[in-house]
C-alpha atoms as a PDB file:
ATOM      1  CA  MET A   1     -33.460  21.412   1.923  1.00  0.00           C
ATOM      2  CA  ALA A   2     -32.356  20.816  -1.331  1.00  0.00           C
ATOM      3  CA  LEU A   3     -31.601  17.114  -1.365  1.00  0.00           C
ATOM      4  CA  THR A   4     -28.667  15.849  -3.766  1.00  0.00           C
ATOM      5  CA  PRO A   5     -28.050  11.994  -4.253  1.00  0.00           C
ATOM      6  CA  ASP A   6     -24.950  12.247  -2.039  1.00  0.00           C
ATOM      7  CA  ASP A   7     -27.559  13.274   0.839  1.00  0.00           C
ATOM      8  CA  VAL A   8     -29.077   9.528   0.432  1.00  0.00           C
ATOM      9  CA  VAL A   9     -26.015   8.025  -0.176  1.00  0.00           C
ATOM     10  CA  THR A  10     -24.717   9.543   3.032  1.00  0.00           C
ATOM     11  CA  LYS A  11     -27.540   9.278   5.398  1.00  0.00           C
ATOM     12  CA  GLN A  12     -27.106   7.653   8.398  1.00  0.00           C
ATOM     13  CA  PHE A  13     -30.258   6.312  10.421  1.00  0.00           C
ATOM     14  CA  GLN A  14     -29.947   6.417  14.339  1.00  0.00           C
ATOM     15  CA  HIS A  15     -30.208   2.274  15.635  1.00  0.00           C
ATOM     16  CA  VAL A  16     -33.052   1.853  18.101  1.00  0.00           C
ATOM     17  CA  ARG A  17     -32.660   0.716  21.315  1.00  0.00           C
ATOM     18  CA  PHE A  18     -33.907  -3.085  22.512  1.00  0.00           C
ATOM     19  CA  LYS A  19     -34.494  -4.192  18.908  1.00  0.00           C
ATOM     20  CA  GLU A  20     -32.553  -4.255  15.400  1.00  0.00           C
ATOM     21  CA  GLY A  21     -33.129  -1.943  12.857  1.00  0.00           C
ATOM     22  CA  PHE A  22     -33.656   1.781  12.297  1.00  0.00           C
ATOM     23  CA  ASP A  23     -36.050   4.062  13.563  1.00  0.00           C
ATOM     24  CA  PRO A  24     -39.304   4.112  11.482  1.00  0.00           C
ATOM     25  CA  ASP A  25     -40.324   7.765  11.762  1.00  0.00           C
ATOM     26  CA  GLU A  26     -36.805   9.014  10.920  1.00  0.00           C
ATOM     27  CA  VAL A  27     -36.618   6.934   7.855  1.00  0.00           C
ATOM     28  CA  ASP A  28     -40.468   7.461   6.952  1.00  0.00           C
ATOM     29  CA  ASP A  29     -39.574  11.335   7.606  1.00  0.00           C
ATOM     30  CA  PHE A  30     -36.674  11.080   5.199  1.00  0.00           C
ATOM     31  CA  LEU A  31     -38.014   9.241   2.626  1.00  0.00           C
ATOM     32  CA  ASP A  32     -40.915  12.071   2.530  1.00  0.00           C
ATOM     33  CA  GLU A  33     -37.933  14.960   1.927  1.00  0.00           C
ATOM     34  CA  ILE A  34     -36.605  12.510  -1.053  1.00  0.00           C
ATOM     35  CA  VAL A  35     -40.880  12.215  -2.507  1.00  0.00           C
ATOM     36  CA  VAL A  36     -40.854  16.009  -1.959  1.00  0.00           C
ATOM     37  CA  GLU A  37     -37.492  16.706  -3.456  1.00  0.00           C
ATOM     38  CA  TRP A  38     -38.088  14.322  -6.408  1.00  0.00           C
ATOM     39  CA  ARG A  39     -41.288  15.474  -7.369  1.00  0.00           C
ATOM     40  CA  LYS A  40     -40.010  19.320  -7.388  1.00  0.00           C
ATOM     41  CA  ALA A  41     -37.573  18.089  -9.907  1.00  0.00           C
ATOM     42  CA  LEU A  42     -39.804  16.098 -11.984  1.00  0.00           C
ATOM     43  CA  ALA A  43     -42.283  19.186 -12.114  1.00  0.00           C
ATOM     44  CA  GLU A  44     -39.182  21.348 -12.875  1.00  0.00           C
ATOM     45  CA  ASN A  45     -38.117  18.428 -15.651  1.00  0.00           C
ATOM     46  CA  GLU A  46     -41.550  18.582 -17.312  1.00  0.00           C
ATOM     47  CA  GLU A  47     -41.954  22.206 -17.315  1.00  0.00           C
ATOM     48  CA  LEU A  48     -38.295  22.621 -19.217  1.00  0.00           C
ATOM     49  CA  LYS A  49     -39.212  20.054 -21.568  1.00  0.00           C
ATOM     50  CA  ALA A  50     -42.327  21.878 -22.288  1.00  0.00           C
ATOM     51  CA  LYS A  51     -40.311  25.395 -22.929  1.00  0.00           C
ATOM     52  CA  LEU A  52     -38.092  23.403 -24.948  1.00  0.00           C
ATOM     53  CA  ALA A  53     -40.712  21.939 -27.541  1.00  0.00           C
ATOM     54  CA  ALA A  54     -42.178  25.016 -27.486  1.00  0.00           C
ATOM     55  CA  TYR A  55     -39.092  26.996 -28.345  1.00  0.00           C
ATOM     56  CA  GLU A  56     -37.906  24.618 -31.149  1.00  0.00           C
ATOM     57  CA  SER A  57     -41.628  24.736 -32.500  1.00  0.00           C
ATOM     58  CA  GLY A  58     -41.851  28.304 -32.731  1.00  0.00           C
ATOM     59  CA  ALA A  59     -44.459  28.897 -30.421  1.00  0.00           C
ATOM     60  CA  ALA A  60     -42.356  31.763 -28.826  1.00  0.00           C
ATOM     61  CA  ALA A  61     -41.308  33.204 -31.798  1.00  0.00           C
ATOM     62  CA  PRO A  62     -44.650  34.692 -32.561  1.00  0.00           C
ATOM     63  CA  ALA A  63     -44.926  36.424 -29.102  1.00  0.00           C
ATOM     64  CA  GLN A  64     -41.617  38.124 -30.108  1.00  0.00           C
ATOM     65  CA  ALA A  65     -42.655  38.810 -33.905  1.00  0.00           C
ATOM     66  CA  ALA A  66     -45.986  40.321 -31.668  1.00  0.00           C
ATOM     67  CA  ALA A  67     -44.204  43.180 -30.174  1.00  0.00           C
ATOM     68  CA  PRO A  68     -43.624  44.987 -33.721  1.00  0.00           C
ATOM     69  CA  ALA A  69     -46.554  44.655 -35.142  1.00  0.00           C
ATOM     70  CA  PRO A  70     -48.691  47.079 -33.136  1.00  0.00           C
ATOM     71  CA  ALA A  71     -45.906  49.717 -33.792  1.00  0.00           C
ATOM     72  CA  ALA A  72     -46.129  49.300 -37.814  1.00  0.00           C
ATOM     73  CA  GLU A  73     -48.385  51.571 -39.656  1.00  0.00           C
ATOM     74  CA  PRO A  74     -51.552  50.866 -41.377  1.00  0.00           C
ATOM     75  CA  VAL A  75     -49.838  49.106 -44.427  1.00  0.00           C
ATOM     76  CA  ALA A  76     -50.863  45.695 -43.833  1.00  0.00           C
ATOM     77  CA  ALA A  77     -50.054  43.640 -46.966  1.00  0.00           C
ATOM     78  CA  PRO A  78     -46.224  43.911 -46.768  1.00  0.00           C
ATOM     79  CA  ALA A  79     -46.495  42.740 -42.785  1.00  0.00           C
ATOM     80  CA  PRO A  80     -46.939  39.576 -42.848  1.00  0.00           C
ATOM     81  CA  ALA A  81     -44.373  38.765 -45.030  1.00  0.00           C
ATOM     82  CA  PRO A  82     -41.426  39.577 -42.548  1.00  0.00           C
ATOM     83  CA  ALA A  83     -43.074  37.813 -39.814  1.00  0.00           C
ATOM     84  CA  PRO A  84     -42.715  34.056 -41.521  1.00  0.00           C
ATOM     85  CA  ALA A  85     -38.991  35.011 -41.622  1.00  0.00           C
ATOM     86  CA  ALA A  86     -38.903  35.761 -38.223  1.00  0.00           C
ATOM     87  CA  ASP A  87     -40.638  32.573 -37.404  1.00  0.00           C
ATOM     88  CA  THR A  88     -37.753  31.047 -39.133  1.00  0.00           C
ATOM     89  CA  SER A  89     -34.938  32.590 -37.818  1.00  0.00           C
ATOM     90  CA  ALA A  90     -36.237  32.858 -34.449  1.00  0.00           C
ATOM     91  CA  PRO A  91     -35.102  29.347 -33.602  1.00  0.00           C
ATOM     92  CA  GLY A  92     -31.862  29.706 -35.415  1.00  0.00           C
ATOM     93  CA  ALA A  93     -31.219  32.953 -33.364  1.00  0.00           C
ATOM     94  CA  ALA A  94     -32.291  30.963 -30.042  1.00  0.00           C
ATOM     95  CA  SER A  95     -29.871  28.025 -30.965  1.00  0.00           C
ATOM     96  CA  ALA A  96     -27.069  30.363 -31.556  1.00  0.00           C
ATOM     97  CA  GLY A  97     -28.046  31.844 -28.471  1.00  0.00           C
ATOM     98  CA  ILE A  98     -28.173  28.649 -26.540  1.00  0.00           C
ATOM     99  CA  ILE A  99     -24.612  27.660 -28.376  1.00  0.00           C
ATOM    100  CA  GLU A 100     -23.085  31.140 -27.537  1.00  0.00           C
ATOM    101  CA  LEU A 101     -24.189  30.241 -23.948  1.00  0.00           C
ATOM    102  CA  ALA A 102     -22.891  26.663 -23.877  1.00  0.00           C
ATOM    103  CA  GLN A 103     -19.630  28.117 -25.231  1.00  0.00           C
ATOM    104  CA  ARG A 104     -19.536  30.592 -22.827  1.00  0.00           C
ATOM    105  CA  LEU A 105     -19.971  28.282 -19.741  1.00  0.00           C
ATOM    106  CA  HIS A 106     -17.887  25.639 -21.677  1.00  0.00           C
ATOM    107  CA  ASP A 107     -14.791  28.583 -21.469  1.00  0.00           C
ATOM    108  CA  GLU A 108     -15.681  29.454 -17.678  1.00  0.00           C
ATOM    109  CA  HIS A 109     -14.865  25.733 -16.882  1.00  0.00           C
ATOM    110  CA  VAL A 110     -12.203  25.100 -18.742  1.00  0.00           C
ATOM    111  CA  ALA A 111     -10.963  28.521 -17.329  1.00  0.00           C
ATOM    112  CA  GLU A 112     -11.953  27.438 -13.509  1.00  0.00           C
ATOM    113  CA  GLY A 113     -10.343  24.010 -14.826  1.00  0.00           C
ATOM    114  CA  VAL A 114      -7.077  25.553 -15.817  1.00  0.00           C
ATOM    115  CA  ALA A 115      -6.986  28.163 -12.677  1.00  0.00           C
ATOM    116  CA  GLN A 116      -7.769  25.310 -10.062  1.00  0.00           C
ATOM    117  CA  ARG A 117      -4.826  23.101 -11.848  1.00  0.00           C
ATOM    118  CA  ASP A 118      -2.574  26.114 -11.691  1.00  0.00           C
ATOM    119  CA  LYS A 119      -3.654  26.853  -7.520  1.00  0.00           C
ATOM    120  CA  LEU A 120      -2.915  23.054  -7.021  1.00  0.00           C
ATOM    121  CA  ILE A 121       0.633  22.816  -9.024  1.00  0.00           C
ATOM    122  CA  ALA A 122       1.742  26.200  -7.029  1.00  0.00           C
ATOM    123  CA  ASP A 123       0.452  24.504  -3.799  1.00  0.00           C
ATOM    124  CA  ALA A 124       2.076  21.108  -4.760  1.00  0.00           C
ATOM    125  CA  LYS A 125       5.590  23.449  -5.428  1.00  0.00           C
ATOM    126  CA  ALA A 126       5.053  25.181  -1.968  1.00  0.00           C
ATOM    127  CA  GLN A 127       4.531  22.209  -0.223  1.00  0.00           C
ATOM    128  CA  ALA A 128       7.593  20.688  -1.844  1.00  0.00           C
ATOM    129  CA  ALA A 129      10.098  23.488  -1.309  1.00  0.00           C
ATOM    130  CA  SER A 130       8.763  23.407   2.358  1.00  0.00           C
ATOM    131  CA  ILE A 131       9.297  19.551   2.669  1.00  0.00           C
ATOM    132  CA  ILE A 132      13.072  20.289   0.857  1.00  0.00           C
ATOM    133  CA  ASN A 133      13.840  23.357   3.277  1.00  0.00           C
ATOM    134  CA  ASP A 134      12.551  21.146   6.107  1.00  0.00           C
ATOM    135  CA  ALA A 135      14.993  18.428   4.832  1.00  0.00           C
ATOM    136  CA  GLU A 136      17.864  20.344   4.369  1.00  0.00           C
ATOM    137  CA  THR A 137      17.279  22.312   7.801  1.00  0.00           C
ATOM    138  CA  ARG A 138      17.391  19.039   9.445  1.00  0.00           C
ATOM    139  CA  GLY A 139      20.478  17.832   7.405  1.00  0.00           C
ATOM    140  CA  ARG A 140      22.278  20.880   8.642  1.00  0.00           C
ATOM    141  CA  GLU A 141      21.349  20.247  11.965  1.00  0.00           C
ATOM    142  CA  GLU A 142      22.571  17.013  11.916  1.00  0.00           C
ATOM    143  CA  VAL A 143      25.710  17.524  10.453  1.00  0.00           C
ATOM    144  CA  ALA A 144      26.643  20.213  13.277  1.00  0.00           C
ATOM    145  CA  LYS A 145      26.005  17.672  15.500  1.00  0.00           C
ATOM    146  CA  LEU A 146      27.814  15.437  14.417  1.00  0.00           C
ATOM    147  CA  ASP A 147      30.515  17.793  13.772  1.00  0.00           C
ATOM    148  CA  ARG A 148      30.281  18.792  17.651  1.00  0.00           C
ATOM    149  CA  GLU A 149      30.361  15.194  18.550  1.00  0.00           C
ATOM    150  CA  ARG A 150      33.155  14.526  16.438  1.00  0.00           C
ATOM    151  CA  ALA A 151      35.272  17.549  17.881  1.00  0.00           C
ATOM    152  CA  GLN A 152      34.108  16.458  21.430  1.00  0.00           C
ATOM    153  CA  LEU A 153      35.735  12.722  20.782  1.00  0.00           C
ATOM    154  CA  GLU A 154      38.933  14.387  19.184  1.00  0.00           C
ATOM    155  CA  THR A 155      39.218  15.968  22.379  1.00  0.00           C
ATOM    156  CA  ARG A 156      38.654  13.337  24.577  1.00  0.00           C
ATOM    157  CA  ILE A 157      41.341  11.129  22.551  1.00  0.00           C
ATOM    158  CA  SER A 158      43.949  14.009  22.854  1.00  0.00           C
ATOM    159  CA  GLU A 159      43.360  14.203  26.348  1.00  0.00           C
ATOM    160  CA  LEU A 160      43.698  10.404  26.783  1.00  0.00           C
ATOM    161  CA  ARG A 161      47.106  10.837  25.087  1.00  0.00           C
ATOM    162  CA  ASN A 162      48.205  13.169  26.851  1.00  0.00           C
ATOM    163  CA  PHE A 163      47.201  11.166  30.067  1.00  0.00           C
ATOM    164  CA  GLU A 164      49.002   8.300  28.866  1.00  0.00           C
ATOM    165  CA  ARG A 165      52.289   9.910  27.857  1.00  0.00           C
ATOM    166  CA  ASP A 166      52.429  11.818  31.569  1.00  0.00           C
ATOM    167  CA  TYR A 167      51.292   8.722  33.129  1.00  0.00           C
ATOM    168  CA  ARG A 168      54.284   6.717  31.116  1.00  0.00           C
ATOM    169  CA  ALA A 169      56.765   9.132  31.833  1.00  0.00           C
ATOM    170  CA  GLN A 170      55.986   9.228  35.728  1.00  0.00           C
ATOM    171  CA  LEU A 171      55.518   5.078  35.623  1.00  0.00           C
ATOM    172  CA  ARG A 172      58.911   5.599  33.932  1.00  0.00           C
ATOM    173  CA  SER A 173      60.741   8.165  36.426  1.00  0.00           C
ATOM    174  CA  TYR A 174      59.212   6.032  39.245  1.00  0.00           C
ATOM    175  CA  ILE A 175      60.720   2.770  38.219  1.00  0.00           C
ATOM    176  CA  GLU A 176      64.141   4.478  37.395  1.00  0.00           C
ATOM    177  CA  GLY A 177      64.123   6.083  41.127  1.00  0.00           C
ATOM    178  CA  LYS A 178      63.252   2.630  42.521  1.00  0.00           C
ATOM    179  CA  LEU A 179      65.989   1.048  40.248  1.00  0.00           C
ATOM    180  CA  ARG A 180      68.894   4.160  41.312  1.00  0.00           C
ATOM    181  CA  ASP A 181      67.355   3.554  44.809  1.00  0.00           C
ATOM    182  CA  LEU A 182      68.367  -0.288  44.672  1.00  0.00           C
ATOM    183  CA  GLU A 183      71.514   0.001  43.004  1.00  0.00           C
ATOM    184  CA  THR A 184      72.782   2.108  45.464  1.00  0.00           C
ATOM    185  CA  THR A 185      71.701   0.107  48.022  1.00  0.00           C
ATOM    186  CA  ALA A 186      73.023  -2.484  46.618  1.00  0.00           C
ATOM    187  CA  THR A 187      76.665  -0.897  45.922  1.00  0.00           C
ATOM    188  CA  THR A 188      76.738   0.325  49.776  1.00  0.00           C
ATOM    189  CA  SER A 189      75.402  -3.035  51.291  1.00  0.00           C
ATOM    190  CA  GLY A 190      78.188  -4.345  48.926  1.00  0.00           C
ATOM    191  CA  SER A 191      81.319  -2.431  50.477  1.00  0.00           C
ATOM    192  CA  ASN A 192      80.342  -3.004  54.270  1.00  0.00           C
ATOM    193  CA  PRO A 193      81.755  -6.754  55.424  1.00  0.00           C
ATOM    194  CA  VAL A 194      79.268  -9.241  56.643  1.00  0.00           C
ATOM    195  CA  SER A 195      79.995  -9.278  60.146  1.00  0.00           C
ATOM    196  CA  ALA A 196      78.759  -5.257  60.156  1.00  0.00           C
ATOM    197  CA  ILE A 197      75.662  -6.397  58.965  1.00  0.00           C
ATOM    198  CA  GLY A 198      75.063  -8.464  61.705  1.00  0.00           C
ATOM    199  CA  LEU A 199      75.488 -11.906  60.421  1.00  0.00           C
END
């Protein structure tokens, strides 16, 4: 298992019942994993340092220069002269290769960052558009609901006004009818003598 510093930071140990602390076996196993990974990392680090030191000192260049030497013809005198030139140019070429690799990695990381930035911006714009659409839809639904309620209230108000008008008309005609009845009763009773009424 490749152990990362985050693994060390986030490691959770089980609590032991009936006593405080963590399970010692679990802690020991985890620490053993840390030691193994650390030793691997240190060994790899030392190996890389040794390779870098050998590369910088030019020890790797003779191995590269040795390959063309057997192919050379018996002309031995001019052969050693190009070898030092190869030795001095090899670290420069290696440095150029390392710089080119670093530049390529940098460009890849920058391109990846730009792509991720563009993706985040696109996602944010899509989310914003979705939120705006939802809000507009809810707003339209609320306006439509309020319009329906207003229409219902206006209909109810109209019905109540019609009912009031009809009620007033009926009440007026009823009262006028009663007044007419009262007047006719008064006029008919006024023409009869009092003795006819029974007084």
